[in-house]
Amino acid sequence: MEREDLPNLRALGFKDDELKTLGLWDPVTGNPADLAEMYVRRSVKKDTLSALREQVRRMCAHAAYEKKQIRHVWFEQKSASKAHVRREEFEKATAAIIAAGLSKSLYVFKTSRLSRRGMGQVGLLLDRFEEREARIFVVADNIDSRGNRLILAILSEQARDQAADTSEFTKNSINGNKAEGRWTGGVTPFGLYSPKGSGKLKRHPAEYPIARRIAEYLLDRMTPGWIANKLNSEKILTRHGKKWTGPGIISLAHSVTWAGLVANREKMLDENGKDVGKYHRGGAPLLDQHGHPVSCGEGVITFAEHMKIKAILAERAQPGTSIGDKRRGKREIVSLLSATLRCGLCDGPMGNGGINYRCYARQVEGPTSCKGVSTDRKRADAAVTTMWLNHILRLSPNSPTILAIAKDWLAYNDPDKEARKVHVSAALESAVGREMKLEKEFFVFGRMDEEKYDRLREQVAAQIAELKSELAELSQEADLTPLMDPLSLAEIWEDAGVGGQRALLKAALKGITLTPARYRGDRTPIMERLEPHWKDESGNPAEEAAWDKRGKRHAQTAV
C-alpha cells in the first residue's frame, strides 16, 4: 500500500531510498498527537526543486526530533499574497487537522510559506487550531504557535508588506516597459515570439506563414469556424499540438499584440473593487503622448488590418456578445442538457444549437475533428425529464443522491448565502488583523496608552464576536427533511425552470451520452440512444475516474 502523497514527493524529485530514510515511504496512522501534516509551497520559478527538497529534509529532521511522523506532505505551486487565489492543498492540509482531526501539528518552512495576507488570515487560522488543541510550527524560525502567537502574527504581517512592495515594484516595472514599447512577457500570439533579452516581438519562422494565412482568410471574410476546419483538414495544429477552434481564431483576431502593439487591458474587479486576477479580453492598443499606438516589435498584421478584421467580426456578432464587451452579462439559460450531454462519437460535450443539441467539437473544430452527433432539443429534454423522474422515484429517501440533490437545490435557490459567507469571512479576517495590530502597538512597541488600547480592543472584540456569530449561523446546515422525499423532488422539478432543472440534473448525473444514429432518418426512440451515468450507480473504478477526468476537462465549454 502506497502513501497518498507519493506522487507529490516524486514530483519534487525524491528517490525511493531517500524517502525511506526520511520516513516518508510507508503510510502513517496512529494517535493524532504523534502525527503531523507538512505544507510545501512554491510561488515562483526561482524556488528550485532542490531548494524545496532541502526544506522537506529540514522539516522531517525537526519532526524526528519531536518524535512525530509526517502523515501527509501537501505541495502546490500557488501565490499566497493574492486574495482571489485559492490554495486547495493548503485548505486540505488545515482541514486534515481542523475538520478531520487526523493530526495535531502543521509544519511549514517559513512564515511566508504559510501566508502573505497578514495577521487577519493567520490569526483566524490560529484560533481554529487552538480550538482543536493543535499547533503550527515554523521550522526555519523555530516558532511554535502555542507560545509565540503574537510573534507569528507579526512575521506574517511583515510577509504581507514584502508581498505588497514586490507587487508595486513589479507593476511599476511593467508599466515602464510598456511605455517604452517593450514586450513584458507572457504567452506571445501565434506567429510571433520574443527572443530572450530583446524585449521585442519577432515573427516566428515556423508559425508566421500559418498565422499570415489565418489573417488573410479573416480579411477575405472567411468565418472563424471555416478557417479552423481548413487548418484541421490539413493536419495543421496549434502551438500546443491541439486542433484549431473557431473561438481560438476569434481570440487571436482580437489580440492587439498580434499586430505587434502593446496592449492596454483592464483588470476584472469584484463588487468591492478588488482584483480577481483576470483581465477583460481583447483590450485596446496603448497610446503614447501623441495618441499613436505603441509598437513592441513586428506583428502578423498591421494596425489597419487589425481594425478591419475587428469590424468584419463585429458585423457578424449579435449586440452585446462581442469579445471585450464588458456589458454582455450572464446569458439566460435556455437549454436543459448543454452541460450534461456528450457526443457518442468523440466523447466531447454537446452544445445548444438553437433547435437541436450538436457536437461541440464538430461546431468549433469542423468535421475533420468529429463527424458529429445531433438531436432535436425538445425531444431530448422531454426524454431526460422522464428518465430523471423515473430514476428519482425509485430511490429511497435515505439515498445519498437524494441528499446531494436536496443540498444542491438549497444552494441553487440561495446563491446570496454563499456570497454573504465570503463577505463575512473577509470582514472577520480584517477585524482580527486590526486586533492583532493593536496588540503589537501596545505590547511590542508601547506606542499606545492602556486606556486607548482597552477602548479600541473592546470595539474590535465586539465586531469579531458579531462576525463570528453571523458566520456560524451562515455555516449551519439547513433542514433538508422537506426535500428528502422523492415525490417532493419530483414536484420541485416541475416548477424549477430550466436553470433549476439543470442544477437538479447535475446533482444526480455524471453525464449522458447520446449514441449516433445508425443511418440517416433512423427512427430509434431517443430514450434508447441516451445512456445516463448516474452518480449512485457503482461501476468500474477506472471507468469512474475516467468519467470524472472528462468532466473536468470540458467544464468550461459554452452554454
Protein backbone atom coordinates (compact mmCIF):
# COMPACT_ATOMS: atom_id res chain seq x y z
CA MET A 1 0.00 0.00 0.00
CA GLU A 2 1.43 3.38 -1.07
CA ARG A 3 1.21 6.76 0.61
CA GLU A 4 -1.34 9.13 -0.88
CA ASP A 5 1.30 11.85 -1.20
CA LEU A 6 3.85 9.67 -3.02
CA PRO A 7 3.17 11.37 -6.41
CA ASN A 8 3.88 14.77 -4.80
CA LEU A 9 7.14 13.55 -3.30
CA ARG A 10 8.30 12.06 -6.58
CA ALA A 11 7.33 15.27 -8.38
CA LEU A 12 9.71 17.07 -6.02
CA GLY A 13 12.49 14.77 -7.27
CA PHE A 14 12.89 12.45 -4.25
CA LYS A 15 14.23 8.95 -4.87
CA ASP A 16 12.60 6.00 -3.13
CA ASP A 17 15.66 5.27 -0.97
CA GLU A 18 15.74 8.80 0.42
CA LEU A 19 12.00 8.73 1.11
CA LYS A 20 12.53 5.59 3.21
CA THR A 21 15.35 7.33 5.08
CA LEU A 22 13.18 10.40 5.75
CA GLY A 23 10.28 8.27 6.98
CA LEU A 24 8.09 9.27 4.01
CA TRP A 25 7.72 5.86 2.40
CA ASP A 26 5.12 3.89 4.34
CA PRO A 27 1.56 5.11 5.06
CA VAL A 28 1.26 6.52 8.58
CA THR A 29 -1.61 6.15 11.03
CA GLY A 30 -1.90 6.43 14.78
CA ASN A 31 -2.56 8.88 17.57
CA PRO A 32 -3.13 12.37 16.05
CA ALA A 33 -0.87 13.87 18.73
CA ASP A 34 2.04 11.87 17.26
CA LEU A 35 1.30 12.83 13.63
CA ALA A 36 1.86 15.99 11.59
CA GLU A 37 0.95 17.50 8.24
CA MET A 38 3.65 19.16 6.12
CA TYR A 39 2.88 22.02 3.72
CA VAL A 40 5.32 22.95 0.96
CA ARG A 41 4.58 25.82 -1.41
CA ARG A 42 6.39 27.05 -4.49
CA SER A 43 5.33 30.55 -5.52
CA VAL A 44 7.97 31.46 -8.11
CA LYS A 45 10.17 29.56 -10.54
CA LYS A 46 13.33 30.62 -8.72
CA ASP A 47 12.26 28.30 -5.89
CA THR A 48 14.14 25.35 -7.37
CA LEU A 49 13.16 21.75 -6.67
CA SER A 50 16.49 21.22 -4.91
CA ALA A 51 15.63 24.08 -2.52
CA LEU A 52 12.19 22.58 -1.89
CA ARG A 53 13.69 19.16 -1.20
CA GLU A 54 16.03 20.74 1.34
CA GLN A 55 13.02 22.35 3.06
CA VAL A 56 11.34 18.94 3.28
CA ARG A 57 14.52 17.39 4.72
CA ARG A 58 14.79 20.05 7.44
CA MET A 59 11.11 19.70 8.36
CA CYS A 60 11.50 15.91 8.52
CA ALA A 61 14.54 16.33 10.76
CA HIS A 62 12.55 18.50 13.14
CA ALA A 63 9.67 16.01 13.12
CA ALA A 64 12.12 13.24 14.05
CA TYR A 65 13.47 15.44 16.86
CA GLU A 66 9.93 15.86 18.20
CA LYS A 67 9.28 12.13 17.65
CA LYS A 68 6.44 12.83 15.24
CA GLN A 69 5.64 11.15 11.94
CA ILE A 70 4.66 13.04 8.80
CA ARG A 71 1.21 11.80 7.82
CA HIS A 72 0.98 13.71 4.54
CA VAL A 73 3.11 16.16 2.54
CA TRP A 74 0.92 18.75 0.80
CA PHE A 75 2.57 20.52 -2.12
CA GLU A 76 1.33 23.18 -4.53
CA GLN A 77 2.60 25.97 -6.79
CA LYS A 78 0.48 28.99 -5.91
CA SER A 79 0.84 32.59 -4.76
CA ALA A 80 -0.20 33.27 -1.17
CA SER A 81 -0.46 37.05 -1.40
CA LYS A 82 -3.47 37.44 -3.71
CA ALA A 83 -6.87 37.16 -2.04
CA HIS A 84 -8.51 35.69 -5.17
CA VAL A 85 -6.06 32.77 -5.36
CA ARG A 86 -7.45 29.66 -3.72
CA ARG A 87 -4.82 27.31 -2.27
CA GLU A 88 -6.56 23.94 -2.41
CA GLU A 89 -3.67 21.92 -0.96
CA PHE A 90 -3.28 24.33 1.96
CA GLU A 91 -7.01 24.03 2.65
CA LYS A 92 -6.68 20.24 2.63
CA ALA A 93 -3.70 20.37 4.99
CA THR A 94 -5.56 22.52 7.54
CA ALA A 95 -8.79 20.53 7.09
CA ALA A 96 -6.91 17.33 7.97
CA ILE A 97 -6.23 18.93 11.37
CA ILE A 98 -9.26 21.17 11.98
CA ALA A 99 -12.06 19.14 10.39
CA ALA A 100 -10.84 15.54 10.29
CA GLY A 101 -8.60 15.60 13.38
CA LEU A 102 -6.07 13.29 11.72
CA SER A 103 -3.07 15.05 13.26
CA LYS A 104 -2.23 17.86 15.69
CA SER A 105 0.70 19.66 14.03
CA LEU A 106 1.26 21.55 10.79
CA TYR A 107 4.86 22.08 9.69
CA VAL A 108 5.78 24.92 7.33
CA PHE A 109 9.30 26.06 6.49
CA LYS A 110 8.87 29.84 6.80
CA THR A 111 6.03 32.19 7.76
CA SER A 112 5.85 33.45 4.17
CA ARG A 113 5.12 29.90 3.05
CA LEU A 114 2.15 29.89 5.44
CA SER A 115 0.55 33.14 4.28
CA ARG A 116 1.34 36.56 2.83
CA ARG A 117 -2.08 38.00 3.63
CA GLY A 118 -1.19 39.27 7.08
CA MET A 119 -2.36 38.99 10.66
CA GLY A 120 -6.03 38.65 9.82
CA GLN A 121 -5.79 35.35 7.99
CA VAL A 122 -3.13 33.89 10.29
CA GLY A 123 -4.98 35.00 13.42
CA LEU A 124 -8.20 33.24 12.37
CA LEU A 125 -6.25 30.14 11.46
CA LEU A 126 -4.58 30.08 14.88
CA ASP A 127 -7.99 30.43 16.57
CA ARG A 128 -9.25 27.34 14.78
CA PHE A 129 -6.07 25.40 15.59
CA GLU A 130 -6.34 26.30 19.28
CA GLU A 131 -9.93 25.06 19.33
CA ARG A 132 -8.60 21.66 18.20
CA GLU A 133 -5.62 21.85 20.60
CA ALA A 134 -3.35 21.81 17.55
CA ARG A 135 -0.41 23.98 16.58
CA ILE A 136 1.62 25.39 13.67
CA PHE A 137 5.40 25.10 13.72
CA VAL A 138 7.63 27.29 11.51
CA VAL A 139 10.85 25.31 11.21
CA ALA A 140 13.25 27.94 9.80
CA ASP A 141 12.30 30.46 12.51
CA ASN A 142 11.78 27.86 15.26
CA ILE A 143 8.36 29.30 16.13
CA ASP A 144 5.66 27.25 17.82
CA SER A 145 2.23 28.92 17.58
CA ARG A 146 1.27 27.67 21.04
CA GLY A 147 3.66 30.02 22.79
CA ASN A 148 4.54 32.58 20.14
CA ARG A 149 1.22 33.58 18.65
CA LEU A 150 1.97 37.31 18.52
CA ILE A 151 5.44 36.80 17.01
CA LEU A 152 3.97 34.57 14.30
CA ALA A 153 1.31 37.20 13.56
CA ILE A 154 3.90 39.99 13.32
CA LEU A 155 6.08 37.95 10.94
CA SER A 156 3.03 37.22 8.79
CA GLU A 157 2.34 40.97 8.62
CA GLN A 158 5.94 41.56 7.53
CA ALA A 159 5.49 38.91 4.83
CA ARG A 160 2.37 40.75 3.68
CA ASP A 161 4.27 44.05 3.45
CA GLN A 162 7.04 42.36 1.43
CA ALA A 163 4.45 40.96 -0.96
CA ALA A 164 2.83 44.39 -1.36
CA ASP A 165 6.21 46.00 -2.07
CA THR A 166 7.09 43.32 -4.61
CA SER A 167 3.72 43.74 -6.30
CA GLU A 168 4.15 47.52 -6.52
CA PHE A 169 7.68 47.25 -7.92
CA THR A 170 6.51 44.69 -10.48
CA LYS A 171 3.58 46.85 -11.54
CA ASN A 172 5.79 49.92 -11.97
CA SER A 173 8.33 47.90 -13.95
CA ILE A 174 5.66 46.52 -16.28
CA ASN A 175 4.12 49.96 -16.84
CA GLY A 176 7.55 51.42 -17.60
CA ASN A 177 8.39 48.67 -20.07
CA LYS A 178 5.03 49.08 -21.81
CA ALA A 179 5.54 52.83 -22.19
CA GLU A 180 8.95 52.15 -23.79
CA GLY A 181 7.46 49.63 -26.20
CA ARG A 182 8.95 46.51 -24.62
CA TRP A 183 7.28 43.10 -24.51
CA THR A 184 6.51 42.47 -20.83
CA GLY A 185 6.44 38.69 -21.01
CA GLY A 186 3.78 36.04 -21.10
CA VAL A 187 2.45 33.91 -23.95
CA THR A 188 3.03 35.50 -27.34
CA PRO A 189 0.30 35.29 -30.01
CA PHE A 190 0.58 32.51 -32.57
CA GLY A 191 3.03 33.54 -35.28
CA LEU A 192 5.22 35.67 -33.02
CA TYR A 193 7.91 35.14 -30.38
CA SER A 194 10.19 37.26 -28.24
CA PRO A 195 13.92 36.45 -28.35
CA LYS A 196 15.31 36.20 -24.85
CA GLY A 197 16.52 39.54 -23.56
CA SER A 198 15.31 41.51 -26.57
CA GLY A 199 12.03 42.81 -25.14
CA LYS A 200 10.61 42.87 -28.66
CA LEU A 201 8.28 40.69 -30.71
CA LYS A 202 9.61 38.91 -33.79
CA ARG A 203 7.94 36.80 -36.45
CA HIS A 204 8.28 33.11 -35.68
CA PRO A 205 9.89 31.37 -38.66
CA ALA A 206 7.66 28.27 -38.48
CA GLU A 207 4.42 29.84 -37.24
CA TYR A 208 4.32 33.11 -39.15
CA PRO A 209 3.31 31.67 -42.57
CA ILE A 210 0.35 29.87 -40.98
CA ALA A 211 -0.60 32.92 -38.92
CA ARG A 212 -0.49 35.10 -42.03
CA ARG A 213 -2.79 32.64 -43.82
CA ILE A 214 -5.27 32.97 -40.95
CA ALA A 215 -5.10 36.77 -41.20
CA GLU A 216 -5.70 36.70 -44.97
CA TYR A 217 -8.65 34.33 -44.54
CA LEU A 218 -10.15 36.74 -41.99
CA LEU A 219 -9.59 39.69 -44.30
CA ASP A 220 -11.34 37.71 -47.07
CA ARG A 221 -14.36 37.41 -44.73
CA MET A 222 -13.98 33.67 -44.12
CA THR A 223 -15.67 32.61 -40.88
CA PRO A 224 -13.52 31.52 -37.90
CA GLY A 225 -15.22 28.09 -38.00
CA TRP A 226 -14.34 27.65 -41.68
CA ILE A 227 -10.71 28.66 -41.01
CA ALA A 228 -10.41 26.19 -38.08
CA ASN A 229 -11.79 23.34 -40.19
CA LYS A 230 -9.48 24.27 -43.09
CA LEU A 231 -6.39 24.11 -40.90
CA ASN A 232 -7.53 20.91 -39.16
CA SER A 233 -8.19 19.23 -42.52
CA GLU A 234 -4.56 19.95 -43.45
CA LYS A 235 -3.36 18.46 -40.14
CA ILE A 236 -2.01 21.84 -39.05
CA LEU A 237 -2.01 22.06 -35.26
CA THR A 238 -1.73 24.92 -32.79
CA ARG A 239 1.49 25.73 -30.98
CA HIS A 240 0.48 23.30 -28.22
CA GLY A 241 -0.28 20.45 -30.61
CA LYS A 242 -4.07 20.81 -30.43
CA LYS A 243 -6.71 21.31 -33.09
CA TRP A 244 -7.86 24.76 -34.09
CA THR A 245 -11.24 26.05 -32.93
CA GLY A 246 -13.46 28.89 -34.05
CA PRO A 247 -13.30 30.67 -30.66
CA GLY A 248 -9.50 30.31 -30.74
CA ILE A 249 -9.35 32.05 -34.12
CA ILE A 250 -11.60 34.84 -32.80
CA SER A 251 -9.38 35.39 -29.74
CA LEU A 252 -6.32 35.60 -31.99
CA ALA A 253 -8.03 38.07 -34.30
CA HIS A 254 -8.91 40.39 -31.40
CA SER A 255 -5.40 40.28 -29.91
CA VAL A 256 -3.74 43.70 -30.11
CA THR A 257 -0.29 42.12 -29.77
CA TRP A 258 -0.96 40.07 -32.94
CA ALA A 259 -0.47 43.44 -34.67
CA GLY A 260 2.82 43.98 -32.79
CA LEU A 261 1.33 46.60 -30.47
CA VAL A 262 1.42 47.00 -26.68
CA ALA A 263 -1.95 46.03 -25.21
CA ASN A 264 -3.73 48.10 -22.58
CA ARG A 265 -6.18 45.74 -20.91
CA GLU A 266 -8.38 46.45 -17.92
CA LYS A 267 -8.41 44.17 -14.90
CA MET A 268 -11.60 42.49 -13.78
CA LEU A 269 -12.81 43.68 -10.39
CA ASP A 270 -15.36 42.24 -7.98
CA GLU A 271 -18.29 44.14 -6.49
CA ASN A 272 -15.93 45.60 -3.85
CA GLY A 273 -13.47 46.86 -6.45
CA LYS A 274 -10.85 44.20 -5.67
CA ASP A 275 -8.71 42.49 -8.28
CA VAL A 276 -9.96 38.99 -9.19
CA GLY A 277 -6.78 38.05 -11.08
CA LYS A 278 -8.24 38.24 -14.59
CA TYR A 279 -8.30 40.72 -17.45
CA HIS A 280 -11.07 41.70 -19.82
CA ARG A 281 -10.45 40.02 -23.14
CA GLY A 282 -9.34 41.89 -26.22
CA GLY A 283 -8.16 45.23 -24.95
CA ALA A 284 -7.06 48.31 -26.84
CA PRO A 285 -3.63 49.48 -28.00
CA LEU A 286 -1.62 51.53 -25.52
CA LEU A 287 -1.30 55.09 -26.88
CA ASP A 288 1.70 57.36 -26.50
CA GLN A 289 1.55 61.06 -25.61
CA HIS A 290 0.73 61.93 -29.21
CA GLY A 291 -2.17 59.46 -29.38
CA HIS A 292 -0.35 56.90 -31.54
CA PRO A 293 -0.31 53.12 -30.75
CA VAL A 294 2.90 51.98 -29.06
CA SER A 295 4.70 49.25 -31.00
CA CYS A 296 6.60 46.43 -29.29
CA GLY A 297 8.06 44.84 -32.44
CA GLU A 298 6.87 43.03 -35.51
CA GLY A 299 3.30 41.83 -35.97
CA VAL A 300 1.48 39.29 -38.08
CA ILE A 301 -0.90 42.03 -39.23
CA THR A 302 -0.80 45.80 -39.40
CA PHE A 303 -2.85 48.05 -37.15
CA ALA A 304 -5.08 48.91 -40.12
CA GLU A 305 -5.66 45.21 -40.80
CA HIS A 306 -6.41 44.66 -37.11
CA MET A 307 -9.13 47.31 -37.21
CA LYS A 308 -10.58 45.90 -40.43
CA ILE A 309 -10.75 42.35 -39.03
CA LYS A 310 -12.45 43.62 -35.87
CA ALA A 311 -15.02 45.43 -37.99
CA ILE A 312 -15.71 42.28 -40.06
CA LEU A 313 -16.21 40.17 -36.94
CA ALA A 314 -18.38 42.87 -35.34
CA GLU A 315 -20.75 42.75 -38.33
CA ARG A 316 -21.50 39.09 -37.59
CA ALA A 317 -21.70 39.43 -33.79
CA GLN A 318 -25.03 39.85 -32.05
CA PRO A 319 -25.41 43.01 -29.94
CA GLY A 320 -23.69 42.65 -26.59
CA THR A 321 -21.83 39.42 -27.44
CA SER A 322 -18.55 40.62 -28.92
CA ILE A 323 -15.26 39.80 -27.22
CA GLY A 324 -14.23 42.52 -24.84
CA ASP A 325 -17.79 43.79 -24.40
CA LYS A 326 -17.97 44.09 -20.61
CA ARG A 327 -21.71 44.78 -20.75
CA ARG A 328 -22.61 41.33 -22.02
CA GLY A 329 -23.55 39.99 -18.61
CA LYS A 330 -24.75 36.49 -17.90
CA ARG A 331 -26.79 34.75 -20.58
CA GLU A 332 -30.17 33.33 -19.75
CA ILE A 333 -30.17 29.52 -19.52
CA VAL A 334 -32.45 28.07 -22.19
CA SER A 335 -31.18 24.52 -22.75
CA LEU A 336 -31.51 21.71 -20.23
CA LEU A 337 -28.72 19.37 -21.37
CA SER A 338 -25.92 21.54 -22.72
CA ALA A 339 -23.88 20.97 -19.55
CA THR A 340 -24.66 17.24 -19.37
CA LEU A 341 -24.94 15.70 -22.85
CA ARG A 342 -21.91 14.12 -24.55
CA CYS A 343 -21.24 13.10 -28.12
CA GLY A 344 -21.29 9.35 -28.66
CA LEU A 345 -18.52 9.59 -31.29
CA CYS A 346 -15.81 11.78 -29.73
CA ASP A 347 -16.99 11.72 -26.09
CA GLY A 348 -16.85 15.52 -26.07
CA PRO A 349 -19.55 17.91 -24.84
CA MET A 350 -22.60 18.83 -26.87
CA GLY A 351 -23.82 22.41 -27.08
CA ASN A 352 -27.07 24.19 -27.75
CA GLY A 353 -27.54 24.70 -31.46
CA GLY A 354 -30.87 26.51 -31.23
CA ILE A 355 -33.38 23.81 -32.19
CA ASN A 356 -31.01 20.94 -31.53
CA TYR A 357 -28.06 19.70 -29.48
CA ARG A 358 -24.90 19.26 -31.55
CA CYS A 359 -21.33 18.10 -31.00
CA TYR A 360 -19.22 20.99 -29.76
CA ALA A 361 -16.04 19.65 -31.42
CA ARG A 362 -17.82 19.50 -34.79
CA GLN A 363 -19.10 23.04 -34.28
CA VAL A 364 -15.77 24.72 -33.37
CA GLU A 365 -13.16 22.43 -34.99
CA GLY A 366 -15.04 21.21 -38.06
CA PRO A 367 -15.94 17.75 -39.45
CA THR A 368 -12.27 16.75 -39.61
CA SER A 369 -12.32 16.59 -35.81
CA CYS A 370 -15.63 14.74 -35.38
CA LYS A 371 -18.43 13.81 -37.77
CA GLY A 372 -20.75 14.94 -35.01
CA VAL A 373 -23.97 13.77 -33.40
CA SER A 374 -27.11 15.87 -33.09
CA THR A 375 -30.70 15.51 -31.96
CA ASP A 376 -33.80 17.63 -31.57
CA ARG A 377 -33.54 19.65 -28.36
CA LYS A 378 -37.16 19.43 -27.26
CA ARG A 379 -37.29 15.68 -27.82
CA ALA A 380 -34.08 15.09 -25.82
CA ASP A 381 -35.21 17.39 -22.98
CA ALA A 382 -38.54 15.58 -22.68
CA ALA A 383 -36.85 12.17 -22.67
CA VAL A 384 -34.35 13.17 -19.96
CA THR A 385 -37.13 14.67 -17.85
CA THR A 386 -38.94 11.32 -17.90
CA MET A 387 -35.66 9.48 -17.26
CA TRP A 388 -34.76 11.68 -14.27
CA LEU A 389 -38.20 11.44 -12.66
CA ASN A 390 -38.32 7.64 -13.07
CA HIS A 391 -34.88 7.28 -11.52
CA ILE A 392 -35.56 9.60 -8.57
CA LEU A 393 -38.88 7.95 -7.74
CA ARG A 394 -37.11 4.59 -7.44
CA LEU A 395 -34.67 5.87 -4.80
CA SER A 396 -35.19 5.64 -1.07
CA PRO A 397 -35.44 8.87 0.98
CA ASN A 398 -32.10 7.97 2.63
CA SER A 399 -30.26 7.71 -0.69
CA PRO A 400 -27.01 9.75 -0.90
CA THR A 401 -28.25 11.01 -4.26
CA ILE A 402 -31.42 12.40 -2.69
CA LEU A 403 -29.29 14.12 -0.03
CA ALA A 404 -26.98 15.58 -2.70
CA ILE A 405 -29.93 16.84 -4.74
CA ALA A 406 -31.51 18.44 -1.68
CA LYS A 407 -28.29 20.27 -0.77
CA ASP A 408 -27.66 21.44 -4.33
CA TRP A 409 -31.23 22.65 -4.62
CA LEU A 410 -30.94 24.78 -1.48
CA ALA A 411 -27.64 26.22 -2.71
CA TYR A 412 -29.18 27.00 -6.10
CA ASN A 413 -32.13 28.77 -4.51
CA ASP A 414 -29.99 30.81 -2.12
CA PRO A 415 -26.84 31.91 -4.00
CA ASP A 416 -26.65 35.07 -1.90
CA LYS A 417 -25.90 33.00 1.21
CA GLU A 418 -22.56 31.74 -0.11
CA ALA A 419 -21.67 35.24 -1.30
CA ARG A 420 -22.53 36.57 2.15
CA LYS A 421 -20.31 33.92 3.78
CA VAL A 422 -17.37 35.08 1.65
CA HIS A 423 -18.06 38.71 2.58
CA VAL A 424 -18.36 37.98 6.30
CA SER A 425 -15.21 35.83 6.25
CA ALA A 426 -13.25 38.68 4.66
CA ALA A 427 -14.62 41.17 7.19
CA LEU A 428 -13.73 38.83 10.06
CA GLU A 429 -10.21 38.40 8.71
CA SER A 430 -9.83 42.18 8.55
CA ALA A 431 -11.14 42.64 12.11
CA VAL A 432 -8.78 40.02 13.52
CA GLY A 433 -5.91 41.75 11.72
CA ARG A 434 -6.83 45.06 13.39
CA GLU A 435 -6.98 43.34 16.77
CA MET A 436 -3.51 41.90 16.40
CA LYS A 437 -2.10 45.22 15.20
CA LEU A 438 -3.46 46.82 18.39
CA GLU A 439 -1.66 44.17 20.44
CA LYS A 440 1.52 44.87 18.50
CA GLU A 441 1.28 48.62 19.14
CA PHE A 442 0.58 48.13 22.86
CA PHE A 443 2.66 45.11 23.89
CA VAL A 444 5.60 45.25 21.43
CA PHE A 445 6.19 48.93 20.63
CA GLY A 446 4.47 50.52 23.65
CA ARG A 447 3.19 53.35 21.45
CA MET A 448 -0.35 53.28 22.87
CA ASP A 449 -1.59 54.07 26.37
CA GLU A 450 -3.59 51.44 28.23
CA GLU A 451 -6.89 53.38 28.26
CA LYS A 452 -6.89 53.83 24.48
CA TYR A 453 -5.84 50.24 23.96
CA ASP A 454 -8.68 48.93 26.15
CA ARG A 455 -11.26 51.12 24.38
CA LEU A 456 -10.19 50.12 20.86
CA ARG A 457 -9.68 46.50 21.86
CA GLU A 458 -13.23 46.35 23.23
CA GLN A 459 -14.67 47.79 19.99
CA VAL A 460 -12.77 45.35 17.77
CA ALA A 461 -13.62 42.40 20.05
CA ALA A 462 -17.32 43.25 19.74
CA GLN A 463 -17.02 43.33 15.93
CA ILE A 464 -15.21 39.99 15.91
CA ALA A 465 -17.81 38.37 18.16
CA GLU A 466 -20.65 39.62 15.95
CA LEU A 467 -18.97 38.47 12.73
CA LYS A 468 -18.13 35.06 14.19
CA SER A 469 -21.73 34.64 15.28
CA GLU A 470 -23.03 35.54 11.81
CA LEU A 471 -20.53 33.24 10.12
CA ALA A 472 -21.53 30.37 12.39
CA GLU A 473 -25.18 30.99 11.55
CA LEU A 474 -24.44 31.08 7.80
CA SER A 475 -22.44 27.87 8.08
CA GLN A 476 -25.27 25.90 9.68
CA GLU A 477 -26.87 23.24 7.51
CA ALA A 478 -30.46 23.96 6.59
CA ASP A 479 -33.22 21.47 7.38
CA LEU A 480 -33.30 19.10 4.42
CA THR A 481 -36.18 16.96 5.69
CA PRO A 482 -38.83 18.50 3.43
CA LEU A 483 -36.64 17.75 0.40
CA MET A 484 -35.71 14.17 1.32
CA ASP A 485 -38.84 12.71 -0.23
CA PRO A 486 -38.51 11.67 -3.92
CA LEU A 487 -42.12 12.75 -4.54
CA SER A 488 -41.32 16.23 -3.23
CA LEU A 489 -38.32 16.48 -5.55
CA ALA A 490 -40.48 15.38 -8.47
CA GLU A 491 -42.89 18.21 -7.71
CA ILE A 492 -39.99 20.68 -7.40
CA TRP A 493 -38.74 19.62 -10.84
CA GLU A 494 -41.99 20.67 -12.49
CA ASP A 495 -41.75 24.23 -11.13
CA ALA A 496 -37.97 24.67 -11.18
CA GLY A 497 -37.49 26.19 -14.62
CA VAL A 498 -34.58 25.30 -16.91
CA GLY A 499 -31.89 26.66 -14.59
CA GLY A 500 -33.24 24.80 -11.58
CA GLN A 501 -33.70 21.58 -13.54
CA ARG A 502 -30.07 21.77 -14.69
CA ALA A 503 -28.99 22.05 -11.04
CA LEU A 504 -31.12 19.02 -10.12
CA LEU A 505 -29.69 17.02 -13.04
CA LYS A 506 -26.11 17.88 -12.11
CA ALA A 507 -26.64 16.59 -8.57
CA ALA A 508 -27.78 13.17 -9.79
CA LEU A 509 -25.88 12.63 -13.06
CA LYS A 510 -22.26 12.49 -14.10
CA GLY A 511 -23.39 12.84 -17.69
CA ILE A 512 -25.46 11.41 -20.53
CA THR A 513 -24.05 10.01 -23.76
CA LEU A 514 -26.03 10.37 -26.99
CA THR A 515 -25.18 7.44 -29.26
CA PRO A 516 -25.08 8.23 -33.00
CA ALA A 517 -27.97 7.35 -35.31
CA ARG A 518 -27.44 4.14 -37.27
CA TYR A 519 -28.37 5.80 -40.55
CA ARG A 520 -29.99 8.97 -41.88
CA GLY A 521 -33.64 9.06 -40.79
CA ASP A 522 -33.09 6.44 -38.05
CA ARG A 523 -36.35 6.17 -36.08
CA THR A 524 -34.83 4.57 -32.98
CA PRO A 525 -36.62 6.07 -29.93
CA ILE A 526 -34.49 8.75 -28.34
CA MET A 527 -34.69 7.01 -24.95
CA GLU A 528 -32.74 4.09 -26.42
CA ARG A 529 -29.97 6.41 -27.66
CA LEU A 530 -29.49 8.19 -24.34
CA GLU A 531 -27.09 6.42 -21.97
CA PRO A 532 -27.22 8.05 -18.48
CA HIS A 533 -24.38 7.71 -15.99
CA TRP A 534 -25.95 8.10 -12.55
CA LYS A 535 -23.82 9.09 -9.57
CA ASP A 536 -25.43 6.48 -7.32
CA GLU A 537 -24.61 3.56 -9.62
CA SER A 538 -21.46 1.70 -8.62
CA GLY A 539 -19.21 0.79 -11.52
CA ASN A 540 -15.66 0.10 -12.53
CA PRO A 541 -13.33 2.43 -10.53
CA ALA A 542 -11.16 3.08 -13.59
CA GLU A 543 -14.22 3.98 -15.61
CA GLU A 544 -15.47 6.30 -12.83
CA ALA A 545 -12.10 8.08 -12.71
CA ALA A 546 -12.03 8.44 -16.49
CA TRP A 547 -15.52 9.94 -16.49
CA ASP A 548 -14.57 12.44 -13.75
CA LYS A 549 -11.47 13.43 -15.74
CA ARG A 550 -13.55 14.03 -18.87
CA GLY A 551 -15.99 16.12 -16.88
CA LYS A 552 -13.24 18.38 -15.54
CA ARG A 553 -11.68 18.73 -18.97
CA HIS A 554 -14.88 20.00 -20.55
CA ALA A 555 -16.16 22.04 -17.60
CA GLN A 556 -15.51 25.36 -19.36
CA THR A 557 -17.45 24.70 -22.57
CA ALA A 558 -20.04 27.16 -23.81
CA VAL A 559 -23.67 27.12 -22.75
